[in-house]
Amino acid sequence: MDIIRIILSILLPPLGVFLQVGIGAHFWINILLTLLGYIPGIVHAVWIIARR
């Protein structure tokens, strides 16, 4: 299941974070990072998925 979340995180980073932790602080941080730059959003999403 984590592989699917990582693939979704590469395509749409907030979706991967949402599937992992729901709507919370990490979700909103990831949306902000994705808006500021796509790559930081991907890195944050993969980090959240790998950490949990």
PDB file of N, CA and C in Angstrom:
ATOM      1  N   MET A   1       0.820  -1.196   0.000  1.00  0.00           N
ATOM      2  CA  MET A   1       0.000   0.000   0.000  1.00  0.00           C
ATOM      3  C   MET A   1       0.862   1.257   0.000  1.00  0.00           C
ATOM      4  N   ASP A   2       2.032   1.201   0.631  1.00  0.00           N
ATOM      5  CA  ASP A   2       2.906   2.376   0.642  1.00  0.00           C
ATOM      6  C   ASP A   2       3.420   2.710  -0.753  1.00  0.00           C
ATOM      7  N   ILE A   3       3.611   1.701  -1.593  1.00  0.00           N
ATOM      8  CA  ILE A   3       4.080   1.963  -2.958  1.00  0.00           C
ATOM      9  C   ILE A   3       3.040   2.783  -3.718  1.00  0.00           C
ATOM     10  N   ILE A   4       1.771   2.459  -3.540  1.00  0.00           N
ATOM     11  CA  ILE A   4       0.699   3.218  -4.203  1.00  0.00           C
ATOM     12  C   ILE A   4       0.683   4.652  -3.694  1.00  0.00           C
ATOM     13  N   ARG A   5       0.866   4.833  -2.387  1.00  0.00           N
ATOM     14  CA  ARG A   5       0.886   6.199  -1.821  1.00  0.00           C
ATOM     15  C   ARG A   5       2.080   6.988  -2.346  1.00  0.00           C
ATOM     16  N   ILE A   6       3.228   6.347  -2.491  1.00  0.00           N
ATOM     17  CA  ILE A   6       4.413   7.045  -2.996  1.00  0.00           C
ATOM     18  C   ILE A   6       4.202   7.444  -4.450  1.00  0.00           C
ATOM     19  N   ILE A   7       3.610   6.568  -5.249  1.00  0.00           N
ATOM     20  CA  ILE A   7       3.325   6.910  -6.646  1.00  0.00           C
ATOM     21  C   ILE A   7       2.337   8.078  -6.715  1.00  0.00           C
ATOM     22  N   LEU A   8       1.302   8.049  -5.884  1.00  0.00           N
ATOM     23  CA  LEU A   8       0.359   9.163  -5.851  1.00  0.00           C
ATOM     24  C   LEU A   8       1.029  10.443  -5.371  1.00  0.00           C
ATOM     25  N   SER A   9       2.003  10.310  -4.469  1.00  0.00           N
ATOM     26  CA  SER A   9       2.720  11.488  -3.977  1.00  0.00           C
ATOM     27  C   SER A   9       3.572  12.125  -5.056  1.00  0.00           C
ATOM     28  N   ILE A  10       4.072  11.327  -5.970  1.00  0.00           N
ATOM     29  CA  ILE A  10       4.852  11.883  -7.074  1.00  0.00           C
ATOM     30  C   ILE A  10       3.931  12.613  -8.048  1.00  0.00           C
ATOM     31  N   LEU A  11       2.756  12.056  -8.274  1.00  0.00           N
ATOM     32  CA  LEU A  11       1.820  12.687  -9.204  1.00  0.00           C
ATOM     33  C   LEU A  11       1.116  13.890  -8.585  1.00  0.00           C
ATOM     34  N   LEU A  12       0.664  13.735  -7.345  1.00  0.00           N
ATOM     35  CA  LEU A  12      -0.071  14.795  -6.650  1.00  0.00           C
ATOM     36  C   LEU A  12       0.267  14.706  -5.158  1.00  0.00           C
ATOM     37  N   PRO A  13       1.294  15.433  -4.719  1.00  0.00           N
ATOM     38  CA  PRO A  13       1.800  15.286  -3.352  1.00  0.00           C
ATOM     39  C   PRO A  13       0.760  15.427  -2.238  1.00  0.00           C
ATOM     40  N   PRO A  14      -0.148  16.399  -2.273  1.00  0.00           N
ATOM     41  CA  PRO A  14      -1.118  16.489  -1.166  1.00  0.00           C
ATOM     42  C   PRO A  14      -2.027  15.262  -1.046  1.00  0.00           C
ATOM     43  N   LEU A  15      -2.302  14.602  -2.142  1.00  0.00           N
ATOM     44  CA  LEU A  15      -3.149  13.412  -2.105  1.00  0.00           C
ATOM     45  C   LEU A  15      -2.472  12.285  -1.333  1.00  0.00           C
ATOM     46  N   GLY A  16      -1.180  12.093  -1.565  1.00  0.00           N
ATOM     47  CA  GLY A  16      -0.450  11.065  -0.828  1.00  0.00           C
ATOM     48  C   GLY A  16      -0.406  11.344   0.662  1.00  0.00           C
ATOM     49  N   VAL A  17      -0.218  12.600   1.028  1.00  0.00           N
ATOM     50  CA  VAL A  17      -0.194  12.967   2.447  1.00  0.00           C
ATOM     51  C   VAL A  17      -1.589  12.804   3.052  1.00  0.00           C
ATOM     52  N   PHE A  18      -2.613  13.186   2.316  1.00  0.00           N
ATOM     53  CA  PHE A  18      -3.979  13.034   2.811  1.00  0.00           C
ATOM     54  C   PHE A  18      -4.312  11.572   3.078  1.00  0.00           C
ATOM     55  N   LEU A  19      -3.908  10.684   2.187  1.00  0.00           N
ATOM     56  CA  LEU A  19      -4.180   9.263   2.380  1.00  0.00           C
ATOM     57  C   LEU A  19      -3.421   8.693   3.573  1.00  0.00           C
ATOM     58  N   GLN A  20      -2.287   9.284   3.895  1.00  0.00           N
ATOM     59  CA  GLN A  20      -1.479   8.785   5.009  1.00  0.00           C
ATOM     60  C   GLN A  20      -1.938   9.339   6.358  1.00  0.00           C
ATOM     61  N   VAL A  21      -2.150  10.659   6.450  1.00  0.00           N
ATOM     62  CA  VAL A  21      -2.426  11.271   7.754  1.00  0.00           C
ATOM     63  C   VAL A  21      -3.768  11.984   7.844  1.00  0.00           C
ATOM     64  N   GLY A  22      -4.471  12.126   6.739  1.00  0.00           N
ATOM     65  CA  GLY A  22      -5.738  12.853   6.770  1.00  0.00           C
ATOM     66  C   GLY A  22      -5.509  14.354   6.710  1.00  0.00           C
ATOM     67  N   ILE A  23      -6.565  15.102   6.997  1.00  0.00           N
ATOM     68  CA  ILE A  23      -6.447  16.566   6.969  1.00  0.00           C
ATOM     69  C   ILE A  23      -5.931  17.018   8.330  1.00  0.00           C
ATOM     70  N   GLY A  24      -4.722  17.502   8.321  1.00  0.00           N
ATOM     71  CA  GLY A  24      -4.070  17.963   9.541  1.00  0.00           C
ATOM     72  C   GLY A  24      -2.966  18.924   9.174  1.00  0.00           C
ATOM     73  N   ALA A  25      -2.070  19.130  10.093  1.00  0.00           N
ATOM     74  CA  ALA A  25      -0.987  20.089   9.880  1.00  0.00           C
ATOM     75  C   ALA A  25      -0.084  19.674   8.714  1.00  0.00           C
ATOM     76  N   HIS A  26       0.255  18.394   8.636  1.00  0.00           N
ATOM     77  CA  HIS A  26       1.138  17.939   7.556  1.00  0.00           C
ATOM     78  C   HIS A  26       0.485  18.107   6.185  1.00  0.00           C
ATOM     79  N   PHE A  27      -0.810  17.926   6.110  1.00  0.00           N
ATOM     80  CA  PHE A  27      -1.525  18.117   4.848  1.00  0.00           C
ATOM     81  C   PHE A  27      -1.416  19.566   4.382  1.00  0.00           C
ATOM     82  N   TRP A  28      -1.669  20.512   5.284  1.00  0.00           N
ATOM     83  CA  TRP A  28      -1.627  21.930   4.914  1.00  0.00           C
ATOM     84  C   TRP A  28      -0.198  22.382   4.615  1.00  0.00           C
ATOM     85  N   ILE A  29       0.771  21.853   5.347  1.00  0.00           N
ATOM     86  CA  ILE A  29       2.174  22.168   5.053  1.00  0.00           C
ATOM     87  C   ILE A  29       2.533  21.675   3.659  1.00  0.00           C
ATOM     88  N   ASN A  30       2.049  20.484   3.323  1.00  0.00           N
ATOM     89  CA  ASN A  30       2.358  19.931   2.008  1.00  0.00           C
ATOM     90  C   ASN A  30       1.709  20.738   0.889  1.00  0.00           C
ATOM     91  N   ILE A  31       0.492  21.221   1.104  1.00  0.00           N
ATOM     92  CA  ILE A  31      -0.140  22.065   0.087  1.00  0.00           C
ATOM     93  C   ILE A  31       0.677  23.342  -0.113  1.00  0.00           C
ATOM     94  N   LEU A  32       1.125  23.936   0.979  1.00  0.00           N
ATOM     95  CA  LEU A  32       1.944  25.145   0.884  1.00  0.00           C
ATOM     96  C   LEU A  32       3.251  24.868   0.144  1.00  0.00           C
ATOM     97  N   LEU A  33       3.924  23.769   0.489  1.00  0.00           N
ATOM     98  CA  LEU A  33       5.178  23.423  -0.181  1.00  0.00           C
ATOM     99  C   LEU A  33       4.950  23.125  -1.665  1.00  0.00           C
ATOM    100  N   THR A  34       3.849  22.486  -1.989  1.00  0.00           N
ATOM    101  CA  THR A  34       3.553  22.179  -3.388  1.00  0.00           C
ATOM    102  C   THR A  34       3.281  23.457  -4.176  1.00  0.00           C
ATOM    103  N   LEU A  35       2.611  24.409  -3.553  1.00  0.00           N
ATOM    104  CA  LEU A  35       2.362  25.682  -4.238  1.00  0.00           C
ATOM    105  C   LEU A  35       3.644  26.489  -4.427  1.00  0.00           C
ATOM    106  N   LEU A  36       4.553  26.387  -3.460  1.00  0.00           N
ATOM    107  CA  LEU A  36       5.819  27.115  -3.569  1.00  0.00           C
ATOM    108  C   LEU A  36       6.781  26.460  -4.555  1.00  0.00           C
ATOM    109  N   GLY A  37       6.663  25.179  -4.714  1.00  0.00           N
ATOM    110  CA  GLY A  37       7.508  24.444  -5.647  1.00  0.00           C
ATOM    111  C   GLY A  37       7.113  22.986  -5.635  1.00  0.00           C
ATOM    112  N   TYR A  38       6.996  22.404  -6.787  1.00  0.00           N
ATOM    113  CA  TYR A  38       6.488  21.038  -6.884  1.00  0.00           C
ATOM    114  C   TYR A  38       7.426  20.030  -6.207  1.00  0.00           C
ATOM    115  N   ILE A  39       8.718  20.202  -6.380  1.00  0.00           N
ATOM    116  CA  ILE A  39       9.700  19.259  -5.826  1.00  0.00           C
ATOM    117  C   ILE A  39       9.684  19.244  -4.294  1.00  0.00           C
ATOM    118  N   PRO A  40       9.648  20.389  -3.601  1.00  0.00           N
ATOM    119  CA  PRO A  40       9.556  20.331  -2.135  1.00  0.00           C
ATOM    120  C   PRO A  40       8.293  19.613  -1.647  1.00  0.00           C
ATOM    121  N   GLY A  41       7.200  19.741  -2.366  1.00  0.00           N
ATOM    122  CA  GLY A  41       5.982  19.030  -2.013  1.00  0.00           C
ATOM    123  C   GLY A  41       6.155  17.528  -2.138  1.00  0.00           C
ATOM    124  N   ILE A  42       6.835  17.093  -3.185  1.00  0.00           N
ATOM    125  CA  ILE A  42       7.093  15.661  -3.374  1.00  0.00           C
ATOM    126  C   ILE A  42       7.994  15.131  -2.274  1.00  0.00           C
ATOM    127  N   VAL A  43       9.060  15.859  -1.968  1.00  0.00           N
ATOM    128  CA  VAL A  43      10.000  15.422  -0.934  1.00  0.00           C
ATOM    129  C   VAL A  43       9.296  15.300   0.416  1.00  0.00           C
ATOM    130  N   HIS A  44       8.493  16.283   0.756  1.00  0.00           N
ATOM    131  CA  HIS A  44       7.772  16.251   2.027  1.00  0.00           C
ATOM    132  C   HIS A  44       6.782  15.089   2.062  1.00  0.00           C
ATOM    133  N   ALA A  45       6.064  14.860   0.983  1.00  0.00           N
ATOM    134  CA  ALA A  45       5.082  13.775   0.942  1.00  0.00           C
ATOM    135  C   ALA A  45       5.748  12.409   1.085  1.00  0.00           C
ATOM    136  N   VAL A  46       6.831  12.192   0.374  1.00  0.00           N
ATOM    137  CA  VAL A  46       7.534  10.909   0.474  1.00  0.00           C
ATOM    138  C   VAL A  46       8.119  10.744   1.872  1.00  0.00           C
ATOM    139  N   TRP A  47       8.607  11.822   2.457  1.00  0.00           N
ATOM    140  CA  TRP A  47       9.159  11.754   3.812  1.00  0.00           C
ATOM    141  C   TRP A  47       8.074  11.374   4.823  1.00  0.00           C
ATOM    142  N   ILE A  48       6.890  11.953   4.686  1.00  0.00           N
ATOM    143  CA  ILE A  48       5.780  11.637   5.601  1.00  0.00           C
ATOM    144  C   ILE A  48       5.378  10.170   5.448  1.00  0.00           C
ATOM    145  N   ILE A  49       5.288   9.692   4.215  1.00  0.00           N
ATOM    146  CA  ILE A  49       4.881   8.301   3.991  1.00  0.00           C
ATOM    147  C   ILE A  49       5.938   7.332   4.489  1.00  0.00           C
ATOM    148  N   ALA A  50       7.201   7.628   4.246  1.00  0.00           N
ATOM    149  CA  ALA A  50       8.280   6.731   4.671  1.00  0.00           C
ATOM    150  C   ALA A  50       8.438   6.728   6.194  1.00  0.00           C
ATOM    151  N   ARG A  51       8.162   7.845   6.833  1.00  0.00           N
ATOM    152  CA  ARG A  51       8.328   7.948   8.280  1.00  0.00           C
ATOM    153  C   ARG A  51       7.268   7.154   9.032  1.00  0.00           C
ATOM    154  N   ARG A  52       6.087   7.074   8.508  1.00  0.00           N
ATOM    155  CA  ARG A  52       5.005   6.383   9.218  1.00  0.00           C
ATOM    156  C   ARG A  52       4.957   4.989   8.727  1.00  0.00           C
TER     157      ARG A  52
END
